[in-house]
């Protein structure tokens, strides 16, 4: 028996002030965001409610240490609603806040499935990639374990999502590139997941084709290196949300699983970590005989190539958006490949079960090693 779920309600809004008026912000609300996101659009002093700035607690990808500090800050007042305005780091931390005051991330990992939801959550994504606004997943780098661990509890679904293209216009190109590649991987991995349904595949396919057509347009118009604007940017933003709906139902797979130890160790953007291991993972699928024919036929038509040329063509396109690297270039070696493989099998089964074919620890180590 299969199922498909779309949560939460997704709206479009013209700008921040329109959002504040629509949701009728008040003294029981708090915003979690970054200064650099808000300041180009609204004076920090004129924000009408309490605001917590993520950079006061965290630099880079979310960690368990920073999460506890943010939870403690959010617990200083009895807020009834949290408004998250930002990218993946903002959104993941905001999801933890729905449980109310007095909890740590460790407690949420252990008990989050049973604890009641006590706060409403509104999410306003400002990057073109995380998709987290429509999932119940939050991922954190557990510093002592040197890996990332994901939480996935129904309480962490947002109550409302607002897509405001204007807020993404100040996104640096590197953030656009890494986040949109992350969403492209979401759409591809969710399409071939054993949990995929005809409904989830329709969202995967829509997101996938939007990203690829957007990339090809940028390449044709020689605008790579510049964050898209206007209608093009709005389409990327909406495609990211579609990819989020797809992987929220069908799951992501081994590409994400292999990327997590890399991101935790080297503190590089999640989308970039995904891109580092994407081609190697799909080569391993082919080597082991995974049936990717349905996806390859679709991509071949979209990219105007034969099915056997799909993966090399896809890599050549994405490489023009963000040049890829070998794993040695970021500091990995053979010993690290084995350690990371062990970590993936031990800590990332939530993702590994979504592989189109079973991968062993030796297979994972081989993927890393071949990419050195």
Protein backbone atom coordinates (compact mmCIF):
# COMPACT_ATOMS: atom_id res chain seq x y z
CA UNK A 1 0.00 0.00 0.00
CA UNK A 2 1.40 3.41 -0.98
CA UNK A 3 0.50 6.87 0.23
CA UNK A 4 1.17 10.49 -0.67
CA UNK A 5 1.06 13.49 1.64
CA UNK A 6 1.26 17.21 0.88
CA UNK A 7 1.81 19.44 3.89
CA UNK A 8 1.65 22.31 4.66
CA UNK A 9 -0.45 24.96 2.89
CA UNK A 10 1.78 26.82 0.37
CA UNK A 11 1.12 30.49 -0.42
CA UNK A 12 2.78 33.14 -2.55
CA UNK A 13 3.33 36.65 -1.20
CA UNK A 14 4.62 39.87 -2.75
CA UNK A 15 7.04 40.95 -0.03
CA UNK A 16 7.80 40.80 3.70
CA UNK A 17 5.39 43.55 4.68
CA UNK A 18 2.60 41.77 2.83
CA UNK A 19 3.49 38.60 4.76
CA UNK A 20 3.43 40.40 8.12
CA UNK A 21 0.02 41.89 7.31
CA UNK A 22 -1.37 38.57 6.08
CA UNK A 23 -0.36 36.52 9.11
CA UNK A 24 -1.09 39.39 11.53
CA UNK A 25 2.16 39.21 13.51
CA UNK A 26 2.02 40.07 17.21
CA UNK A 27 3.74 39.88 20.59
CA UNK A 28 3.47 36.08 20.75
CA UNK A 29 5.44 35.64 17.51
CA UNK A 30 9.20 35.45 16.92
CA UNK A 31 11.23 35.49 13.70
CA UNK A 32 14.29 33.30 13.19
CA UNK A 33 16.39 34.57 10.28
CA UNK A 34 19.74 36.06 9.17
CA UNK A 35 20.53 39.77 9.08
CA UNK A 36 21.82 39.57 5.52
CA UNK A 37 18.47 38.17 4.39
CA UNK A 38 16.33 40.80 6.06
CA UNK A 39 18.40 43.97 5.75
CA UNK A 40 18.15 44.45 1.96
CA UNK A 41 14.37 44.42 2.24
CA UNK A 42 13.51 45.81 5.66
CA UNK A 43 15.32 47.82 8.31
CA UNK A 44 16.18 45.56 11.24
CA UNK A 45 14.92 48.27 13.62
CA UNK A 46 11.53 48.28 11.93
CA UNK A 47 10.83 44.55 12.28
CA UNK A 48 7.56 44.51 14.22
CA UNK A 49 8.24 41.48 16.46
CA UNK A 50 11.08 39.80 18.36
CA UNK A 51 13.80 38.56 16.04
CA UNK A 52 16.57 36.03 16.60
CA UNK A 53 19.47 36.13 14.15
CA UNK A 54 20.99 32.75 13.39
CA UNK A 55 24.52 34.09 12.87
CA UNK A 56 24.66 35.10 16.54
CA UNK A 57 24.74 31.38 17.34
CA UNK A 58 25.90 29.56 14.24
CA UNK A 59 28.36 29.94 11.39
CA UNK A 60 27.81 27.46 8.57
CA UNK A 61 25.82 24.21 8.64
CA UNK A 62 23.54 23.42 11.63
CA UNK A 63 25.20 21.72 14.62
CA UNK A 64 23.89 20.13 17.78
CA UNK A 65 25.84 22.63 19.89
CA UNK A 66 24.33 25.69 18.19
CA UNK A 67 20.87 24.12 18.14
CA UNK A 68 20.81 23.89 21.93
CA UNK A 69 21.80 27.56 22.23
CA UNK A 70 19.04 28.61 19.84
CA UNK A 71 16.46 26.43 21.63
CA UNK A 72 17.48 28.05 24.90
CA UNK A 73 17.06 31.53 23.40
CA UNK A 74 13.64 30.64 21.96
CA UNK A 75 12.67 29.40 25.40
CA UNK A 76 13.17 32.76 27.07
CA UNK A 77 9.61 33.78 26.17
CA UNK A 78 6.39 31.86 25.76
CA UNK A 79 6.16 32.25 21.99
CA UNK A 80 3.15 30.70 20.29
CA UNK A 81 4.38 31.03 16.71
CA UNK A 82 7.79 30.93 15.02
CA UNK A 83 8.35 32.49 11.59
CA UNK A 84 11.45 31.08 9.88
CA UNK A 85 12.81 33.27 7.07
CA UNK A 86 15.91 31.81 5.47
CA UNK A 87 17.67 28.81 4.00
CA UNK A 88 18.18 25.29 5.28
CA UNK A 89 20.04 26.21 8.47
CA UNK A 90 17.32 28.63 9.59
CA UNK A 91 14.53 26.21 8.68
CA UNK A 92 16.06 23.17 10.37
CA UNK A 93 16.59 25.05 13.64
CA UNK A 94 13.09 26.51 13.49
CA UNK A 95 11.57 23.04 13.19
CA UNK A 96 12.99 22.12 16.58
CA UNK A 97 11.18 25.06 18.15
CA UNK A 98 7.69 23.61 17.66
CA UNK A 99 8.03 21.54 20.82
CA UNK A 100 8.13 24.58 23.08
CA UNK A 101 10.53 25.43 25.88
CA UNK A 102 12.99 23.47 27.98
CA UNK A 103 14.26 20.82 25.55
CA UNK A 104 17.64 19.96 24.05
CA UNK A 105 18.40 18.46 20.66
CA UNK A 106 19.49 15.22 22.34
CA UNK A 107 16.08 14.94 24.01
CA UNK A 108 14.33 15.65 20.72
CA UNK A 109 16.31 12.92 18.96
CA UNK A 110 15.22 10.48 21.65
CA UNK A 111 11.62 11.59 22.27
CA UNK A 112 10.57 13.86 19.40
CA UNK A 113 8.17 11.31 17.91
CA UNK A 114 6.03 11.26 21.08
CA UNK A 115 6.25 14.87 22.27
CA UNK A 116 3.31 17.20 21.44
CA UNK A 117 3.58 20.18 19.12
CA UNK A 118 3.17 23.41 21.10
CA UNK A 119 4.00 26.16 18.60
CA UNK A 120 2.87 27.01 15.09
CA UNK A 121 5.55 27.22 12.43
CA UNK A 122 5.54 29.46 9.35
CA UNK A 123 8.39 28.97 6.89
CA UNK A 124 9.56 31.43 4.24
CA UNK A 125 12.38 29.80 2.19
CA UNK A 126 14.94 32.16 0.67
CA UNK A 127 17.12 29.72 -1.28
CA UNK A 128 16.37 27.61 -4.32
CA UNK A 129 17.25 24.25 -2.94
CA UNK A 130 16.53 22.98 0.52
CA UNK A 131 12.89 21.95 0.01
CA UNK A 132 12.83 21.68 3.78
CA UNK A 133 9.86 24.02 3.99
CA UNK A 134 7.53 21.19 2.97
CA UNK A 135 9.18 18.27 4.80
CA UNK A 136 9.35 17.13 8.40
CA UNK A 137 13.10 16.56 8.19
CA UNK A 138 15.82 18.52 10.00
CA UNK A 139 19.50 17.60 9.70
CA UNK A 140 22.26 18.48 12.17
CA UNK A 141 25.98 17.94 12.36
CA UNK A 142 26.62 16.14 15.65
CA UNK A 143 30.06 17.53 16.37
CA UNK A 144 31.31 14.74 18.64
CA UNK A 145 30.19 12.02 16.18
CA UNK A 146 31.60 13.82 13.12
CA UNK A 147 28.52 13.05 11.05
CA UNK A 148 25.10 14.44 10.27
CA UNK A 149 21.94 12.92 11.67
CA UNK A 150 18.44 13.62 10.45
CA UNK A 151 15.28 13.92 12.52
CA UNK A 152 11.95 13.25 10.80
CA UNK A 153 8.90 13.76 13.02
CA UNK A 154 5.42 14.78 11.88
CA UNK A 155 5.29 17.52 14.53
CA UNK A 156 8.03 19.36 12.59
CA UNK A 157 5.92 20.00 9.51
CA UNK A 158 5.29 23.70 9.03
CA UNK A 159 1.74 24.94 9.33
CA UNK A 160 2.12 27.42 6.47
CA UNK A 161 4.73 28.17 3.80
CA UNK A 162 5.10 31.47 1.93
CA UNK A 163 7.12 31.72 -1.29
CA UNK A 164 8.43 35.26 -1.75
CA UNK A 165 10.70 35.45 -4.79
CA UNK A 166 11.87 38.95 -3.79
CA UNK A 167 13.68 37.54 -0.74
CA UNK A 168 15.82 35.27 -2.91
CA UNK A 169 17.13 38.07 -5.14
CA UNK A 170 20.06 38.84 -2.82
CA UNK A 171 21.13 35.18 -2.66
CA UNK A 172 24.85 34.95 -3.61
CA UNK A 173 25.49 32.94 -6.77
CA UNK A 174 27.41 30.21 -4.89
CA UNK A 175 24.39 29.73 -2.61
CA UNK A 176 22.09 29.58 -5.64
CA UNK A 177 24.35 27.02 -7.32
CA UNK A 178 24.83 24.71 -4.34
CA UNK A 179 21.21 24.91 -3.17
CA UNK A 180 19.70 24.34 -6.60
CA UNK A 181 22.03 21.39 -7.22
CA UNK A 182 20.86 20.01 -3.88
CA UNK A 183 17.25 20.27 -5.08
CA UNK A 184 18.12 18.67 -8.42
CA UNK A 185 19.58 15.73 -6.50
CA UNK A 186 16.41 15.64 -4.36
CA UNK A 187 14.29 15.31 -7.50
CA UNK A 188 16.46 12.60 -9.06
CA UNK A 189 16.93 10.51 -5.91
CA UNK A 190 13.24 10.68 -5.01
CA UNK A 191 12.29 9.60 -8.54
CA UNK A 192 14.24 6.31 -8.28
CA UNK A 193 13.43 5.65 -4.61
CA UNK A 194 11.62 2.36 -3.89
CA UNK A 195 9.08 4.50 -2.00
CA UNK A 196 8.25 6.62 -5.06
CA UNK A 197 4.63 6.69 -6.27
CA UNK A 198 3.08 8.10 -9.42
CA UNK A 199 2.17 11.20 -7.39
CA UNK A 200 5.64 11.78 -5.95
CA UNK A 201 7.21 11.11 -9.35
CA UNK A 202 5.11 13.86 -10.92
CA UNK A 203 6.64 16.36 -8.48
CA UNK A 204 10.13 14.91 -8.98
CA UNK A 205 9.77 15.20 -12.74
CA UNK A 206 8.43 18.76 -12.68
CA UNK A 207 11.28 19.92 -10.43
CA UNK A 208 13.92 18.03 -12.39
CA UNK A 209 12.92 19.45 -15.75
CA UNK A 210 12.56 22.99 -14.38
CA UNK A 211 16.09 22.92 -12.98
CA UNK A 212 17.62 21.45 -16.12
CA UNK A 213 15.82 23.88 -18.44
CA UNK A 214 16.80 26.76 -16.16
CA UNK A 215 20.43 25.68 -16.18
CA UNK A 216 20.48 25.27 -19.95
CA UNK A 217 18.94 28.71 -20.39
CA UNK A 218 21.63 30.22 -18.16
CA UNK A 219 24.34 28.47 -20.16
CA UNK A 220 22.83 29.55 -23.50
CA UNK A 221 22.44 33.15 -22.35
CA UNK A 222 25.91 33.12 -20.75
CA UNK A 223 24.55 34.20 -17.36
CA UNK A 224 26.23 31.51 -15.25
CA UNK A 225 27.87 33.19 -12.29
CA UNK A 226 24.82 35.41 -11.74
CA UNK A 227 21.85 34.58 -9.54
CA UNK A 228 18.72 34.38 -11.74
CA UNK A 229 16.15 37.12 -11.42
CA UNK A 230 12.43 37.70 -11.90
CA UNK A 231 10.36 34.88 -13.37
CA UNK A 232 13.39 32.61 -13.73
CA UNK A 233 14.21 32.90 -10.03
CA UNK A 234 10.58 32.30 -9.03
CA UNK A 235 10.55 29.13 -11.14
CA UNK A 236 13.68 27.83 -9.41
CA UNK A 237 12.12 28.63 -6.03
CA UNK A 238 8.91 26.79 -6.87
CA UNK A 239 10.84 23.84 -8.31
CA UNK A 240 12.74 23.57 -5.04
CA UNK A 241 9.44 23.29 -3.16
CA UNK A 242 8.21 20.67 -5.63
CA UNK A 243 11.38 18.66 -5.08
CA UNK A 244 10.80 18.98 -1.35
CA UNK A 245 7.30 17.51 -1.71
CA UNK A 246 8.78 14.66 -3.76
CA UNK A 247 11.53 13.69 -1.36
CA UNK A 248 9.29 14.34 1.64
CA UNK A 249 7.19 11.43 0.37
CA UNK A 250 9.70 9.18 -1.40
CA UNK A 251 12.88 10.06 0.48
CA UNK A 252 16.39 10.86 -0.62
CA UNK A 253 18.99 8.13 -0.97
CA UNK A 254 22.67 7.22 -0.89
CA UNK A 255 23.90 10.43 -2.56
CA UNK A 256 22.71 12.36 0.48
CA UNK A 257 23.95 9.65 2.83
CA UNK A 258 27.47 9.76 1.38
CA UNK A 259 27.44 13.56 1.37
CA UNK A 260 26.75 13.90 5.10
CA UNK A 261 30.16 12.80 6.46
CA UNK A 262 31.87 15.05 3.90
CA UNK A 263 29.85 18.08 4.94
CA UNK A 264 30.41 17.35 8.62
CA UNK A 265 34.17 16.88 8.25
CA UNK A 266 34.99 19.67 5.81
CA UNK A 267 32.18 22.16 6.55
CA UNK A 268 31.16 22.65 2.95
CA UNK A 269 27.67 23.37 1.63
CA UNK A 270 25.31 20.41 1.52
CA UNK A 271 24.54 20.85 -2.16
CA UNK A 272 28.25 20.85 -2.97
CA UNK A 273 28.76 17.70 -0.89
CA UNK A 274 25.96 16.03 -2.86
CA UNK A 275 27.51 17.03 -6.15
CA UNK A 276 30.90 15.59 -5.12
CA UNK A 277 29.46 12.09 -4.77
CA UNK A 278 26.56 12.19 -7.24
CA UNK A 279 28.27 10.83 -10.36
CA UNK A 280 30.21 8.18 -8.45
CA UNK A 281 27.06 6.89 -6.78
CA UNK A 282 25.22 6.56 -10.08
CA UNK A 283 28.19 4.82 -11.68
CA UNK A 284 28.05 2.29 -8.86
CA UNK A 285 24.31 1.77 -9.46
CA UNK A 286 25.06 0.99 -13.11
CA UNK A 287 27.93 -1.33 -12.18
CA UNK A 288 25.66 -3.30 -9.82
CA UNK A 289 22.87 -3.55 -12.40
CA UNK A 290 20.27 -1.18 -10.96
CA UNK A 291 17.40 -0.54 -13.35
CA UNK A 292 17.53 3.19 -14.09
CA UNK A 293 15.98 2.88 -17.55
CA UNK A 294 12.78 4.80 -16.80
CA UNK A 295 14.69 7.81 -15.49
CA UNK A 296 17.32 7.59 -18.23
CA UNK A 297 14.63 7.63 -20.93
CA UNK A 298 13.07 10.75 -19.43
CA UNK A 299 16.41 12.53 -19.05
CA UNK A 300 17.52 11.49 -22.54
CA UNK A 301 14.45 13.16 -24.02
CA UNK A 302 14.95 16.29 -21.90
CA UNK A 303 18.67 16.56 -22.69
CA UNK A 304 18.41 15.49 -26.36
CA UNK A 305 20.89 12.62 -26.02
CA UNK A 306 20.78 8.81 -26.09
CA UNK A 307 19.97 7.14 -22.75
CA UNK A 308 23.52 5.84 -22.35
CA UNK A 309 24.81 9.42 -22.60
CA UNK A 310 22.52 10.86 -19.94
CA UNK A 311 24.87 10.88 -16.96
CA UNK A 312 27.86 12.36 -18.75
CA UNK A 313 25.65 15.02 -20.35
CA UNK A 314 24.02 15.86 -17.02
CA UNK A 315 27.42 16.17 -15.36
CA UNK A 316 28.70 18.47 -18.10
CA UNK A 317 25.70 20.79 -17.65
CA UNK A 318 25.92 20.98 -13.87
CA UNK A 319 29.68 21.46 -14.08
CA UNK A 320 29.08 24.74 -15.91
CA UNK A 321 26.85 25.89 -13.05
CA UNK A 322 29.33 24.82 -10.34
CA UNK A 323 32.67 23.25 -11.30
CA UNK A 324 33.10 19.91 -9.55
CA UNK A 325 36.15 18.68 -7.64
CA UNK A 326 37.88 15.40 -6.89
CA UNK A 327 37.67 14.31 -3.27
CA UNK A 328 41.45 14.66 -2.84
CA UNK A 329 41.07 18.35 -3.62
CA UNK A 330 38.98 18.86 -0.50
CA UNK A 331 41.36 16.80 1.67
CA UNK A 332 40.07 13.21 1.56
CA UNK A 333 42.32 10.14 1.41
CA UNK A 334 41.91 6.34 1.30
CA UNK A 335 41.74 6.00 5.08
CA UNK A 336 38.98 8.59 5.25
CA UNK A 337 37.03 6.75 2.53
CA UNK A 338 36.83 3.66 4.74
CA UNK A 339 35.94 5.67 7.85
CA UNK A 340 33.21 7.58 6.05
CA UNK A 341 31.79 4.35 4.58
CA UNK A 342 31.53 2.86 8.06
CA UNK A 343 29.79 6.01 9.29
CA UNK A 344 27.30 5.94 6.41
CA UNK A 345 26.26 2.36 7.10
CA UNK A 346 26.03 3.00 10.85
CA UNK A 347 24.24 6.34 10.82
CA UNK A 348 22.41 6.84 7.52
CA UNK A 349 20.09 3.86 7.09
CA UNK A 350 17.16 6.30 6.94
CA UNK A 351 18.58 7.27 3.53
CA UNK A 352 20.31 4.07 2.43
CA UNK A 353 17.03 2.14 2.39
CA UNK A 354 15.92 4.42 -0.45
CA UNK A 355 18.60 3.13 -2.80
CA UNK A 356 17.39 1.51 -6.04
CA UNK A 357 19.83 -1.33 -5.25
CA UNK A 358 21.46 -2.41 -2.00
CA UNK A 359 24.86 -0.87 -1.29
CA UNK A 360 27.27 -2.50 1.16
CA UNK A 361 29.96 -0.79 3.22
CA UNK A 362 32.51 -1.96 0.63
CA UNK A 363 30.40 -0.45 -2.16
CA UNK A 364 30.24 2.89 -0.34
CA UNK A 365 33.99 2.86 0.30
CA UNK A 366 34.57 2.10 -3.39
CA UNK A 367 32.40 5.07 -4.46
CA UNK A 368 34.47 7.41 -2.31
CA UNK A 369 37.78 5.87 -3.44
CA UNK A 370 36.91 6.10 -7.14
CA UNK A 371 36.18 9.80 -6.67
CA UNK A 372 39.55 10.63 -5.05
